[in-house]
Amino acid sequence: MARKKSYYTVDEITTNLYTFGSEWMLTDGTEYIGLYHLYATGEVYTLASWNETFSQQLLPYRDINQSAFIYQQLSNITTKYKSFVSVRPVINSDALTKGYFYRYIVKKNNEMLFYETTLDDFNKWNLKQIDNNLYTMIKLKWIIRGNLQDTTNAGVIIPSVSTMNSMTIKSAEKTIPGLSLYLTNLTEFYIDSDYIVATDINGLN
């Protein structure tokens, strides 16, 4: 570990000190016994004087369980990642007109926990601003308009809303296993095909 300064005067260093224990410990919580030296900056290192290869930083000794100490050190680390916002999808006039909208599904990688988020947070995840190791996200096209039953036209099967959403989920489960356990209502947000979308005279939708 690098010291705070690249150069110290003789007056700033006290060398050839020795501890018999219960005074200093290594950064992993191990009690230290042996030679050490200290600096006017408050830094303390092992060995009688500085050795760039072998000197290790010392901390004031605390009589606590080593694993608990390591956990405490880790819990003080500030993550560089942003968090995402969990939302419930809102159907706007554009979705009503098109008959579908996009859902942004989040799964916590080490648990069977699912959330929905925004396009903005999905983009942040793609840019690795949200932790990719902790979460997996996927963009899902969700059908909300169409037939409720599969039909056949000239020998061609026209899939229903639930069938199309089921196929989408099946494909998405290659990326997010267990998604079907979260998206159980295949006609969620369904609107009748006769629904008339009102003209947006204010341009707010």
N, C-alpha and C. Protein backbone atom coordinates (compact mmCIF):
# COMPACT_ATOMS: atom_id res chain seq x y z
N MET A 1 0.85 -1.20 0.00
CA MET A 1 0.00 0.00 0.00
C MET A 1 0.88 1.24 0.00
N ALA A 2 0.55 2.20 -0.85
CA ALA A 2 1.36 3.42 -0.97
C ALA A 2 1.12 4.34 0.21
N ARG A 3 2.18 5.02 0.62
CA ARG A 3 2.05 5.99 1.70
C ARG A 3 1.42 7.28 1.17
N LYS A 4 0.98 8.13 2.09
CA LYS A 4 0.30 9.36 1.70
C LYS A 4 1.22 10.31 0.96
N LYS A 5 2.50 10.30 1.31
CA LYS A 5 3.46 11.20 0.67
C LYS A 5 4.56 10.39 0.01
N SER A 6 5.16 10.95 -1.02
CA SER A 6 6.26 10.26 -1.70
C SER A 6 7.59 10.47 -0.97
N TYR A 7 7.64 11.51 -0.13
CA TYR A 7 8.89 11.78 0.59
C TYR A 7 8.58 12.29 1.99
N TYR A 8 9.33 11.78 2.97
CA TYR A 8 9.20 12.21 4.36
C TYR A 8 10.57 12.63 4.86
N THR A 9 10.61 13.70 5.62
CA THR A 9 11.86 14.11 6.25
C THR A 9 12.14 13.21 7.44
N VAL A 10 13.37 13.25 7.92
CA VAL A 10 13.75 12.42 9.07
C VAL A 10 12.89 12.76 10.28
N ASP A 11 12.56 14.02 10.44
CA ASP A 11 11.77 14.45 11.59
C ASP A 11 10.32 13.94 11.54
N GLU A 12 9.89 13.50 10.37
CA GLU A 12 8.52 13.03 10.20
C GLU A 12 8.37 11.52 10.44
N ILE A 13 9.49 10.82 10.70
CA ILE A 13 9.46 9.36 10.83
C ILE A 13 10.04 8.95 12.18
N THR A 14 9.37 8.05 12.87
CA THR A 14 9.91 7.44 14.08
C THR A 14 10.10 5.96 13.78
N THR A 15 11.34 5.50 13.82
CA THR A 15 11.67 4.13 13.41
C THR A 15 12.00 3.25 14.61
N ASN A 16 12.18 1.95 14.32
CA ASN A 16 12.66 0.96 15.29
C ASN A 16 11.77 0.86 16.54
N LEU A 17 10.48 0.92 16.33
CA LEU A 17 9.54 0.71 17.44
C LEU A 17 9.16 -0.76 17.50
N TYR A 18 8.69 -1.22 18.67
CA TYR A 18 8.30 -2.63 18.80
C TYR A 18 7.02 -2.73 19.63
N THR A 19 6.13 -3.63 19.16
CA THR A 19 4.89 -3.86 19.90
C THR A 19 4.81 -5.33 20.30
N PHE A 20 4.37 -5.58 21.55
CA PHE A 20 4.20 -6.94 22.05
C PHE A 20 2.75 -7.43 21.85
N GLY A 21 1.95 -6.63 21.16
CA GLY A 21 0.57 -7.04 20.90
C GLY A 21 -0.44 -6.11 21.55
N SER A 22 -1.69 -6.29 21.17
CA SER A 22 -2.81 -5.50 21.69
C SER A 22 -2.62 -4.00 21.45
N GLU A 23 -1.86 -3.67 20.42
CA GLU A 23 -1.60 -2.26 20.10
C GLU A 23 -1.92 -1.96 18.65
N TRP A 24 -1.46 -2.83 17.75
CA TRP A 24 -1.68 -2.64 16.32
C TRP A 24 -2.16 -3.93 15.69
N MET A 25 -2.84 -3.79 14.53
CA MET A 25 -3.25 -4.97 13.77
C MET A 25 -3.15 -4.67 12.28
N LEU A 26 -3.04 -5.75 11.47
CA LEU A 26 -2.99 -5.61 10.02
C LEU A 26 -4.38 -5.24 9.50
N THR A 27 -4.45 -4.86 8.25
CA THR A 27 -5.74 -4.42 7.68
C THR A 27 -6.77 -5.53 7.60
N ASP A 28 -6.35 -6.81 7.73
CA ASP A 28 -7.33 -7.91 7.72
C ASP A 28 -7.80 -8.27 9.13
N GLY A 29 -7.35 -7.48 10.14
CA GLY A 29 -7.79 -7.70 11.51
C GLY A 29 -6.86 -8.56 12.34
N THR A 30 -5.75 -9.04 11.76
CA THR A 30 -4.79 -9.88 12.48
C THR A 30 -3.95 -9.04 13.44
N GLU A 31 -3.89 -9.45 14.70
CA GLU A 31 -3.07 -8.73 15.68
C GLU A 31 -1.61 -8.78 15.26
N TYR A 32 -0.91 -7.64 15.40
CA TYR A 32 0.48 -7.58 14.98
C TYR A 32 1.41 -7.50 16.18
N ILE A 33 2.48 -8.33 16.14
CA ILE A 33 3.56 -8.30 17.13
C ILE A 33 4.87 -8.19 16.37
N GLY A 34 5.67 -7.19 16.71
CA GLY A 34 6.95 -7.05 16.02
C GLY A 34 7.34 -5.60 15.82
N LEU A 35 8.35 -5.40 14.99
CA LEU A 35 8.89 -4.06 14.72
C LEU A 35 7.92 -3.26 13.84
N TYR A 36 7.90 -1.95 14.08
CA TYR A 36 7.08 -1.08 13.24
C TYR A 36 7.66 0.33 13.27
N HIS A 37 7.14 1.18 12.43
CA HIS A 37 7.55 2.59 12.42
C HIS A 37 6.32 3.43 12.11
N LEU A 38 6.37 4.70 12.50
CA LEU A 38 5.22 5.56 12.29
C LEU A 38 5.64 6.92 11.74
N TYR A 39 4.64 7.63 11.22
CA TYR A 39 4.87 8.90 10.54
C TYR A 39 4.08 10.02 11.19
N ALA A 40 4.52 11.24 10.95
CA ALA A 40 3.84 12.41 11.51
C ALA A 40 2.43 12.56 10.92
N THR A 41 2.18 11.90 9.79
CA THR A 41 0.86 11.95 9.16
C THR A 41 -0.15 11.04 9.86
N GLY A 42 0.35 10.22 10.82
CA GLY A 42 -0.53 9.28 11.51
C GLY A 42 -0.45 7.88 10.95
N GLU A 43 0.25 7.69 9.86
CA GLU A 43 0.40 6.36 9.26
C GLU A 43 1.34 5.49 10.10
N VAL A 44 1.01 4.22 10.14
CA VAL A 44 1.85 3.26 10.87
C VAL A 44 2.07 2.05 9.96
N TYR A 45 3.33 1.58 9.85
CA TYR A 45 3.66 0.45 8.98
C TYR A 45 4.56 -0.54 9.71
N THR A 46 4.49 -1.78 9.27
CA THR A 46 5.35 -2.83 9.83
C THR A 46 6.79 -2.62 9.42
N LEU A 47 7.69 -3.30 10.13
CA LEU A 47 9.14 -3.26 9.97
C LEU A 47 9.71 -2.00 10.63
N ALA A 48 10.99 -2.06 10.96
CA ALA A 48 11.64 -0.98 11.70
C ALA A 48 11.67 0.31 10.90
N SER A 49 11.75 0.19 9.57
CA SER A 49 11.73 1.36 8.68
C SER A 49 11.05 0.94 7.39
N TRP A 50 10.75 1.90 6.55
CA TRP A 50 9.95 1.65 5.35
C TRP A 50 10.64 0.72 4.35
N ASN A 51 9.90 -0.30 3.91
CA ASN A 51 10.34 -1.18 2.83
C ASN A 51 9.18 -1.26 1.84
N GLU A 52 9.40 -0.76 0.64
CA GLU A 52 8.31 -0.66 -0.34
C GLU A 52 7.67 -2.00 -0.65
N THR A 53 8.45 -3.06 -0.56
CA THR A 53 7.95 -4.40 -0.90
C THR A 53 7.27 -5.08 0.26
N PHE A 54 7.80 -4.95 1.48
CA PHE A 54 7.35 -5.77 2.59
C PHE A 54 6.58 -5.03 3.69
N SER A 55 6.69 -3.73 3.76
CA SER A 55 5.96 -3.01 4.81
C SER A 55 4.46 -3.07 4.56
N GLN A 56 3.69 -3.32 5.65
CA GLN A 56 2.24 -3.37 5.56
C GLN A 56 1.63 -2.35 6.50
N GLN A 57 0.52 -1.78 6.10
CA GLN A 57 -0.14 -0.78 6.93
C GLN A 57 -0.68 -1.41 8.21
N LEU A 58 -0.58 -0.67 9.31
CA LEU A 58 -1.14 -1.10 10.59
C LEU A 58 -2.26 -0.16 11.02
N LEU A 59 -3.23 -0.74 11.72
CA LEU A 59 -4.35 0.01 12.26
C LEU A 59 -4.39 -0.17 13.77
N PRO A 60 -5.00 0.74 14.51
CA PRO A 60 -5.13 0.55 15.96
C PRO A 60 -5.82 -0.78 16.26
N TYR A 61 -5.30 -1.52 17.21
CA TYR A 61 -5.82 -2.86 17.51
C TYR A 61 -7.23 -2.79 18.10
N ARG A 62 -8.09 -3.66 17.62
CA ARG A 62 -9.44 -3.79 18.15
C ARG A 62 -9.70 -5.27 18.39
N ASP A 63 -10.11 -5.60 19.58
CA ASP A 63 -10.33 -7.01 19.95
C ASP A 63 -11.70 -7.47 19.48
N ILE A 64 -11.81 -7.71 18.15
CA ILE A 64 -13.06 -8.19 17.59
C ILE A 64 -12.79 -9.40 16.72
N ASN A 65 -13.84 -10.17 16.46
CA ASN A 65 -13.73 -11.34 15.61
C ASN A 65 -13.23 -10.91 14.23
N GLN A 66 -12.25 -11.65 13.67
CA GLN A 66 -11.63 -11.26 12.41
C GLN A 66 -12.65 -11.22 11.26
N SER A 67 -13.54 -12.19 11.17
CA SER A 67 -14.51 -12.21 10.09
C SER A 67 -15.47 -11.03 10.21
N ALA A 68 -15.79 -10.67 11.46
CA ALA A 68 -16.66 -9.51 11.67
C ALA A 68 -15.94 -8.24 11.25
N PHE A 69 -14.64 -8.18 11.49
CA PHE A 69 -13.85 -7.02 11.09
C PHE A 69 -13.83 -6.88 9.57
N ILE A 70 -13.62 -7.99 8.86
CA ILE A 70 -13.59 -7.97 7.40
C ILE A 70 -14.93 -7.51 6.86
N TYR A 71 -16.03 -8.01 7.46
CA TYR A 71 -17.36 -7.60 7.02
C TYR A 71 -17.55 -6.11 7.22
N GLN A 72 -17.07 -5.61 8.35
CA GLN A 72 -17.22 -4.19 8.64
C GLN A 72 -16.45 -3.36 7.63
N GLN A 73 -15.25 -3.82 7.25
CA GLN A 73 -14.46 -3.10 6.27
C GLN A 73 -15.16 -3.07 4.92
N LEU A 74 -15.72 -4.21 4.52
CA LEU A 74 -16.41 -4.30 3.24
C LEU A 74 -17.66 -3.45 3.23
N SER A 75 -18.37 -3.39 4.36
CA SER A 75 -19.62 -2.64 4.42
C SER A 75 -19.39 -1.14 4.32
N ASN A 76 -18.13 -0.73 4.53
CA ASN A 76 -17.81 0.70 4.44
C ASN A 76 -17.45 1.14 3.03
N ILE A 77 -17.39 0.15 2.10
CA ILE A 77 -17.04 0.46 0.73
C ILE A 77 -18.22 1.11 0.03
N THR A 78 -18.00 2.22 -0.63
CA THR A 78 -19.05 2.90 -1.36
C THR A 78 -19.08 2.38 -2.79
N THR A 79 -20.22 1.85 -3.21
CA THR A 79 -20.31 1.28 -4.55
C THR A 79 -20.35 2.38 -5.60
N LYS A 80 -19.78 2.09 -6.75
CA LYS A 80 -19.78 3.05 -7.86
C LYS A 80 -21.05 2.95 -8.67
N TYR A 81 -21.84 1.89 -8.42
CA TYR A 81 -23.01 1.65 -9.24
C TYR A 81 -24.23 2.45 -8.78
N LYS A 82 -25.11 2.72 -9.74
CA LYS A 82 -26.37 3.38 -9.44
C LYS A 82 -27.43 2.33 -9.15
N SER A 83 -28.51 2.74 -8.52
CA SER A 83 -29.62 1.84 -8.26
C SER A 83 -30.71 2.10 -9.30
N PHE A 84 -31.63 1.14 -9.44
CA PHE A 84 -32.71 1.33 -10.39
C PHE A 84 -34.02 1.61 -9.63
N VAL A 85 -34.99 2.14 -10.36
CA VAL A 85 -36.29 2.46 -9.78
C VAL A 85 -37.27 1.35 -10.17
N SER A 86 -37.92 0.76 -9.18
CA SER A 86 -38.94 -0.25 -9.46
C SER A 86 -40.27 0.44 -9.73
N VAL A 87 -40.88 0.12 -10.88
CA VAL A 87 -42.12 0.79 -11.28
C VAL A 87 -43.17 -0.23 -11.72
N ARG A 88 -44.40 0.24 -11.80
CA ARG A 88 -45.47 -0.53 -12.41
C ARG A 88 -45.73 0.09 -13.77
N PRO A 89 -45.80 -0.74 -14.84
CA PRO A 89 -45.99 -0.20 -16.19
C PRO A 89 -47.24 0.67 -16.30
N VAL A 90 -47.12 1.75 -17.06
CA VAL A 90 -48.24 2.65 -17.32
C VAL A 90 -48.54 2.58 -18.82
N ILE A 91 -49.80 2.32 -19.15
CA ILE A 91 -50.19 2.22 -20.55
C ILE A 91 -50.58 3.60 -21.06
N ASN A 92 -49.86 4.11 -22.06
CA ASN A 92 -50.18 5.43 -22.63
C ASN A 92 -50.90 5.27 -23.95
N SER A 93 -51.26 6.38 -24.57
CA SER A 93 -52.04 6.33 -25.81
C SER A 93 -51.26 5.69 -26.94
N ASP A 94 -49.94 5.83 -26.94
CA ASP A 94 -49.11 5.21 -27.98
C ASP A 94 -49.22 3.69 -27.91
N ALA A 95 -49.20 3.15 -26.70
CA ALA A 95 -49.34 1.70 -26.53
C ALA A 95 -50.73 1.23 -26.93
N LEU A 96 -51.75 2.03 -26.60
CA LEU A 96 -53.12 1.68 -26.97
C LEU A 96 -53.29 1.64 -28.48
N THR A 97 -52.64 2.56 -29.16
CA THR A 97 -52.72 2.61 -30.62
C THR A 97 -51.98 1.44 -31.27
N LYS A 98 -50.79 1.19 -30.81
CA LYS A 98 -49.97 0.12 -31.40
C LYS A 98 -50.43 -1.27 -30.99
N GLY A 99 -51.02 -1.38 -29.80
CA GLY A 99 -51.44 -2.69 -29.31
C GLY A 99 -50.34 -3.43 -28.57
N TYR A 100 -49.27 -2.75 -28.26
CA TYR A 100 -48.19 -3.35 -27.48
C TYR A 100 -47.37 -2.25 -26.84
N PHE A 101 -46.55 -2.64 -25.87
CA PHE A 101 -45.59 -1.72 -25.27
C PHE A 101 -44.42 -2.55 -24.78
N TYR A 102 -43.37 -1.88 -24.36
CA TYR A 102 -42.18 -2.60 -23.89
C TYR A 102 -42.10 -2.57 -22.37
N ARG A 103 -41.79 -3.74 -21.82
CA ARG A 103 -41.59 -3.86 -20.38
C ARG A 103 -40.11 -4.12 -20.14
N TYR A 104 -39.59 -3.54 -19.08
CA TYR A 104 -38.16 -3.67 -18.76
C TYR A 104 -38.05 -4.46 -17.45
N ILE A 105 -37.72 -5.74 -17.60
CA ILE A 105 -37.75 -6.67 -16.48
C ILE A 105 -36.36 -6.79 -15.85
N VAL A 106 -36.32 -6.80 -14.54
CA VAL A 106 -35.08 -6.91 -13.78
C VAL A 106 -35.14 -8.18 -12.94
N LYS A 107 -34.05 -8.96 -12.95
CA LYS A 107 -33.94 -10.12 -12.05
C LYS A 107 -32.66 -9.99 -11.24
N LYS A 108 -32.78 -10.20 -9.94
CA LYS A 108 -31.60 -10.25 -9.09
C LYS A 108 -30.94 -11.61 -9.31
N ASN A 109 -29.67 -11.61 -9.69
CA ASN A 109 -29.02 -12.82 -10.17
C ASN A 109 -28.91 -13.94 -9.14
N ASN A 110 -28.78 -13.61 -7.88
CA ASN A 110 -28.61 -14.65 -6.86
C ASN A 110 -29.91 -15.01 -6.15
N GLU A 111 -31.03 -14.46 -6.62
CA GLU A 111 -32.33 -14.76 -6.01
C GLU A 111 -33.41 -14.76 -7.08
N MET A 112 -34.53 -15.43 -6.77
CA MET A 112 -35.66 -15.42 -7.68
C MET A 112 -36.53 -14.20 -7.40
N LEU A 113 -35.96 -13.04 -7.57
CA LEU A 113 -36.66 -11.78 -7.35
C LEU A 113 -36.72 -11.02 -8.67
N PHE A 114 -37.92 -10.57 -9.02
CA PHE A 114 -38.13 -9.85 -10.27
C PHE A 114 -38.72 -8.46 -9.98
N TYR A 115 -38.35 -7.51 -10.83
CA TYR A 115 -38.87 -6.15 -10.72
C TYR A 115 -39.11 -5.64 -12.14
N GLU A 116 -39.79 -4.52 -12.24
CA GLU A 116 -39.89 -3.83 -13.51
C GLU A 116 -39.34 -2.42 -13.33
N THR A 117 -38.69 -1.94 -14.36
CA THR A 117 -38.04 -0.64 -14.26
C THR A 117 -38.32 0.19 -15.51
N THR A 118 -37.61 1.27 -15.67
CA THR A 118 -37.84 2.21 -16.76
C THR A 118 -36.83 2.01 -17.88
N LEU A 119 -37.14 2.58 -19.05
CA LEU A 119 -36.20 2.55 -20.17
C LEU A 119 -34.90 3.22 -19.78
N ASP A 120 -34.98 4.29 -19.04
CA ASP A 120 -33.78 5.01 -18.62
C ASP A 120 -32.85 4.12 -17.80
N ASP A 121 -33.43 3.37 -16.85
CA ASP A 121 -32.61 2.48 -16.03
C ASP A 121 -32.12 1.27 -16.83
N PHE A 122 -32.91 0.81 -17.79
CA PHE A 122 -32.46 -0.27 -18.67
C PHE A 122 -31.23 0.17 -19.46
N ASN A 123 -31.26 1.41 -19.95
CA ASN A 123 -30.11 1.94 -20.68
C ASN A 123 -28.89 2.08 -19.77
N LYS A 124 -29.11 2.47 -18.51
CA LYS A 124 -28.00 2.57 -17.56
C LYS A 124 -27.38 1.21 -17.30
N TRP A 125 -28.23 0.19 -17.24
CA TRP A 125 -27.73 -1.19 -17.04
C TRP A 125 -26.87 -1.61 -18.23
N ASN A 126 -27.32 -1.28 -19.44
CA ASN A 126 -26.54 -1.62 -20.63
C ASN A 126 -25.20 -0.91 -20.65
N LEU A 127 -25.15 0.26 -20.05
CA LEU A 127 -23.90 1.03 -19.98
C LEU A 127 -23.06 0.64 -18.76
N LYS A 128 -23.55 -0.39 -18.02
CA LYS A 128 -22.88 -0.89 -16.81
C LYS A 128 -22.81 0.14 -15.69
N GLN A 129 -23.76 1.08 -15.72
CA GLN A 129 -23.87 2.02 -14.61
C GLN A 129 -24.67 1.42 -13.46
N ILE A 130 -25.43 0.36 -13.77
CA ILE A 130 -26.11 -0.46 -12.77
C ILE A 130 -25.42 -1.82 -12.80
N ASP A 131 -25.16 -2.38 -11.64
CA ASP A 131 -24.32 -3.57 -11.50
C ASP A 131 -24.84 -4.77 -12.31
N ASN A 132 -24.10 -5.13 -13.36
CA ASN A 132 -24.45 -6.29 -14.18
C ASN A 132 -24.23 -7.60 -13.46
N ASN A 133 -23.35 -7.60 -12.47
CA ASN A 133 -23.09 -8.83 -11.72
C ASN A 133 -24.22 -9.14 -10.75
N LEU A 134 -24.93 -8.12 -10.34
CA LEU A 134 -26.01 -8.30 -9.37
C LEU A 134 -27.37 -8.44 -10.05
N TYR A 135 -27.55 -7.77 -11.18
CA TYR A 135 -28.86 -7.77 -11.85
C TYR A 135 -28.72 -8.11 -13.33
N THR A 136 -29.75 -8.76 -13.86
CA THR A 136 -29.90 -8.96 -15.29
C THR A 136 -31.18 -8.25 -15.71
N MET A 137 -31.13 -7.52 -16.82
CA MET A 137 -32.31 -6.81 -17.32
C MET A 137 -32.60 -7.24 -18.74
N ILE A 138 -33.87 -7.15 -19.12
CA ILE A 138 -34.27 -7.52 -20.47
C ILE A 138 -35.42 -6.63 -20.92
N LYS A 139 -35.44 -6.33 -22.23
CA LYS A 139 -36.52 -5.55 -22.84
C LYS A 139 -37.51 -6.54 -23.44
N LEU A 140 -38.77 -6.42 -23.07
CA LEU A 140 -39.78 -7.41 -23.44
C LEU A 140 -40.94 -6.73 -24.16
N LYS A 141 -41.25 -7.17 -25.38
CA LYS A 141 -42.41 -6.64 -26.10
C LYS A 141 -43.66 -7.34 -25.59
N TRP A 142 -44.60 -6.56 -25.07
CA TRP A 142 -45.79 -7.12 -24.42
C TRP A 142 -47.04 -6.73 -25.22
N ILE A 143 -47.76 -7.73 -25.73
CA ILE A 143 -48.95 -7.52 -26.55
C ILE A 143 -50.16 -7.26 -25.66
N ILE A 144 -50.93 -6.23 -25.99
CA ILE A 144 -52.11 -5.91 -25.19
C ILE A 144 -53.39 -5.84 -26.03
N ARG A 145 -53.26 -6.05 -27.34
CA ARG A 145 -54.45 -5.99 -28.21
C ARG A 145 -54.40 -7.13 -29.22
N GLY A 146 -55.57 -7.76 -29.44
CA GLY A 146 -55.65 -8.85 -30.40
C GLY A 146 -56.71 -9.86 -29.97
N ASN A 147 -56.68 -11.04 -30.59
CA ASN A 147 -57.64 -12.09 -30.26
C ASN A 147 -57.28 -12.74 -28.93
N LEU A 148 -58.31 -13.14 -28.20
CA LEU A 148 -58.08 -13.84 -26.94
C LEU A 148 -57.92 -15.34 -27.16
N GLN A 149 -58.29 -15.83 -28.35
CA GLN A 149 -58.13 -17.24 -28.69
C GLN A 149 -57.36 -17.35 -30.00
N ASP A 150 -56.55 -18.41 -30.12
CA ASP A 150 -55.87 -18.67 -31.38
C ASP A 150 -56.92 -18.91 -32.47
N THR A 151 -56.70 -18.36 -33.64
CA THR A 151 -57.61 -18.56 -34.76
C THR A 151 -56.84 -19.05 -35.98
N THR A 152 -57.60 -19.50 -36.98
CA THR A 152 -56.99 -19.99 -38.22
C THR A 152 -57.60 -19.27 -39.41
N ASN A 153 -56.75 -18.78 -40.28
CA ASN A 153 -57.21 -18.09 -41.48
C ASN A 153 -56.49 -18.67 -42.69
N ALA A 154 -57.26 -19.33 -43.56
CA ALA A 154 -56.70 -19.97 -44.76
C ALA A 154 -55.58 -20.94 -44.39
N GLY A 155 -55.82 -21.66 -43.32
CA GLY A 155 -54.85 -22.66 -42.89
C GLY A 155 -53.68 -22.11 -42.10
N VAL A 156 -53.66 -20.79 -41.88
CA VAL A 156 -52.57 -20.16 -41.12
C VAL A 156 -53.07 -19.84 -39.71
N ILE A 157 -52.33 -20.29 -38.73
CA ILE A 157 -52.70 -20.04 -37.34
C ILE A 157 -52.33 -18.62 -36.94
N ILE A 158 -53.31 -17.89 -36.44
CA ILE A 158 -53.07 -16.54 -35.94
C ILE A 158 -53.06 -16.61 -34.42
N PRO A 159 -51.89 -16.43 -33.81
CA PRO A 159 -51.79 -16.60 -32.35
C PRO A 159 -52.53 -15.53 -31.58
N SER A 160 -53.04 -15.92 -30.46
CA SER A 160 -53.75 -14.99 -29.58
C SER A 160 -52.76 -14.13 -28.79
N VAL A 161 -53.30 -13.17 -28.06
CA VAL A 161 -52.47 -12.32 -27.22
C VAL A 161 -51.67 -13.16 -26.22
N SER A 162 -52.34 -14.09 -25.55
CA SER A 162 -51.65 -14.91 -24.55
C SER A 162 -50.59 -15.81 -25.18
N THR A 163 -50.87 -16.33 -26.38
CA THR A 163 -49.88 -17.19 -27.05
C THR A 163 -48.64 -16.39 -27.43
N MET A 164 -48.85 -15.17 -27.97
CA MET A 164 -47.69 -14.34 -28.36
C MET A 164 -46.87 -13.95 -27.14
N ASN A 165 -47.54 -13.59 -26.05
CA ASN A 165 -46.80 -13.22 -24.84
C ASN A 165 -46.09 -14.42 -24.24
N SER A 166 -46.72 -15.59 -24.34
CA SER A 166 -46.10 -16.82 -23.83
C SER A 166 -44.82 -17.14 -24.61
N MET A 167 -44.87 -16.97 -25.94
CA MET A 167 -43.69 -17.23 -26.77
C MET A 167 -42.57 -16.24 -26.44
N THR A 168 -42.96 -14.99 -26.19
CA THR A 168 -41.97 -13.98 -25.83
C THR A 168 -41.27 -14.33 -24.52
N ILE A 169 -42.07 -14.76 -23.55
CA ILE A 169 -41.52 -15.14 -22.24
C ILE A 169 -40.57 -16.33 -22.39
N LYS A 170 -40.99 -17.33 -23.18
CA LYS A 170 -40.17 -18.53 -23.37
C LYS A 170 -38.81 -18.17 -23.95
N SER A 171 -38.81 -17.25 -24.92
CA SER A 171 -37.54 -16.81 -25.52
C SER A 171 -36.70 -16.03 -24.51
N ALA A 172 -37.37 -15.18 -23.72
CA ALA A 172 -36.66 -14.35 -22.74
C ALA A 172 -36.06 -15.18 -21.61
N GLU A 173 -36.64 -16.34 -21.33
CA GLU A 173 -36.14 -17.17 -20.23
C GLU A 173 -34.75 -17.74 -20.52
N LYS A 174 -34.29 -17.65 -21.75
CA LYS A 174 -32.92 -18.03 -22.06
C LYS A 174 -31.94 -17.05 -21.39
N THR A 175 -32.43 -15.82 -21.21
CA THR A 175 -31.62 -14.78 -20.55
C THR A 175 -31.96 -14.65 -19.09
N ILE A 176 -33.26 -14.71 -18.76
CA ILE A 176 -33.72 -14.59 -17.38
C ILE A 176 -34.52 -15.84 -17.01
N PRO A 177 -33.85 -16.88 -16.49
CA PRO A 177 -34.56 -18.10 -16.10
C PRO A 177 -35.61 -17.81 -15.03
N GLY A 178 -36.76 -18.48 -15.15
CA GLY A 178 -37.80 -18.32 -14.14
C GLY A 178 -38.73 -17.15 -14.39
N LEU A 179 -38.59 -16.49 -15.54
CA LEU A 179 -39.42 -15.32 -15.82
C LEU A 179 -40.91 -15.67 -15.83
N SER A 180 -41.24 -16.89 -16.28
CA SER A 180 -42.64 -17.31 -16.34
C SER A 180 -43.28 -17.38 -14.96
N LEU A 181 -42.45 -17.48 -13.92
CA LEU A 181 -42.97 -17.48 -12.55
C LEU A 181 -43.42 -16.08 -12.12
N TYR A 182 -42.87 -15.08 -12.80
CA TYR A 182 -43.23 -13.69 -12.49
C TYR A 182 -44.37 -13.22 -13.39
N LEU A 183 -44.26 -13.48 -14.68
CA LEU A 183 -45.28 -13.04 -15.64
C LEU A 183 -46.29 -14.17 -15.85
N THR A 184 -47.19 -14.32 -14.91
CA THR A 184 -48.15 -15.43 -14.95
C THR A 184 -49.45 -15.05 -15.66
N ASN A 185 -49.77 -13.77 -15.72
CA ASN A 185 -50.99 -13.31 -16.37
C ASN A 185 -50.66 -12.88 -17.79
N LEU A 186 -50.92 -13.77 -18.75
CA LEU A 186 -50.51 -13.52 -20.14
C LEU A 186 -51.36 -12.49 -20.84
N THR A 187 -52.49 -12.12 -20.28
CA THR A 187 -53.33 -11.08 -20.87
C THR A 187 -53.35 -9.82 -19.99
N GLU A 188 -52.34 -9.68 -19.16
CA GLU A 188 -52.26 -8.50 -18.31
C GLU A 188 -52.20 -7.24 -19.18
N PHE A 189 -52.95 -6.23 -18.82
CA PHE A 189 -53.07 -4.94 -19.53
C PHE A 189 -53.84 -5.07 -20.85
N TYR A 190 -54.50 -6.21 -21.08
CA TYR A 190 -55.24 -6.41 -22.32
C TYR A 190 -56.32 -5.35 -22.50
N ILE A 191 -56.48 -4.87 -23.74
CA ILE A 191 -57.56 -3.94 -24.08
C ILE A 191 -58.36 -4.53 -25.23
N ASP A 192 -59.66 -4.29 -25.24
CA ASP A 192 -60.53 -4.80 -26.30
C ASP A 192 -60.17 -4.16 -27.63
N SER A 193 -60.25 -4.96 -28.69
CA SER A 193 -59.90 -4.46 -30.03
C SER A 193 -60.79 -3.33 -30.49
N ASP A 194 -61.98 -3.20 -29.90
CA ASP A 194 -62.89 -2.14 -30.28
C ASP A 194 -62.64 -0.84 -29.53
N TYR A 195 -61.62 -0.88 -28.66
CA TYR A 195 -61.32 0.31 -27.86
C TYR A 195 -60.90 1.46 -28.77
N ILE A 196 -61.48 2.61 -28.56
CA ILE A 196 -61.15 3.78 -29.38
C ILE A 196 -60.22 4.70 -28.60
N VAL A 197 -59.08 4.99 -29.20
CA VAL A 197 -58.11 5.87 -28.55
C VAL A 197 -58.53 7.31 -28.79
N ALA A 198 -58.74 8.04 -27.72
CA ALA A 198 -59.16 9.44 -27.83
C ALA A 198 -58.04 10.29 -28.42
N THR A 199 -58.42 11.26 -29.20
CA THR A 199 -57.44 12.18 -29.79
C THR A 199 -56.79 13.01 -28.70
N ASP A 200 -55.49 13.04 -28.74
CA ASP A 200 -54.73 13.79 -27.73
C ASP A 200 -54.60 15.24 -28.18
N ILE A 201 -55.57 16.05 -27.81
CA ILE A 201 -55.59 17.44 -28.29
C ILE A 201 -54.54 18.31 -27.60
N ASN A 202 -54.03 17.83 -26.47
CA ASN A 202 -53.04 18.62 -25.73
C ASN A 202 -51.60 18.18 -25.99
N GLY A 203 -51.48 17.05 -26.70
CA GLY A 203 -50.14 16.55 -26.98
C GLY A 203 -49.42 16.06 -25.74
N LEU A 204 -50.21 15.63 -24.72
CA LEU A 204 -49.59 15.21 -23.47
C LEU A 204 -49.29 13.72 -23.45
N ASN A 205 -49.86 12.95 -24.32
CA ASN A 205 -49.64 11.51 -24.34
C ASN A 205 -48.63 11.15 -25.41
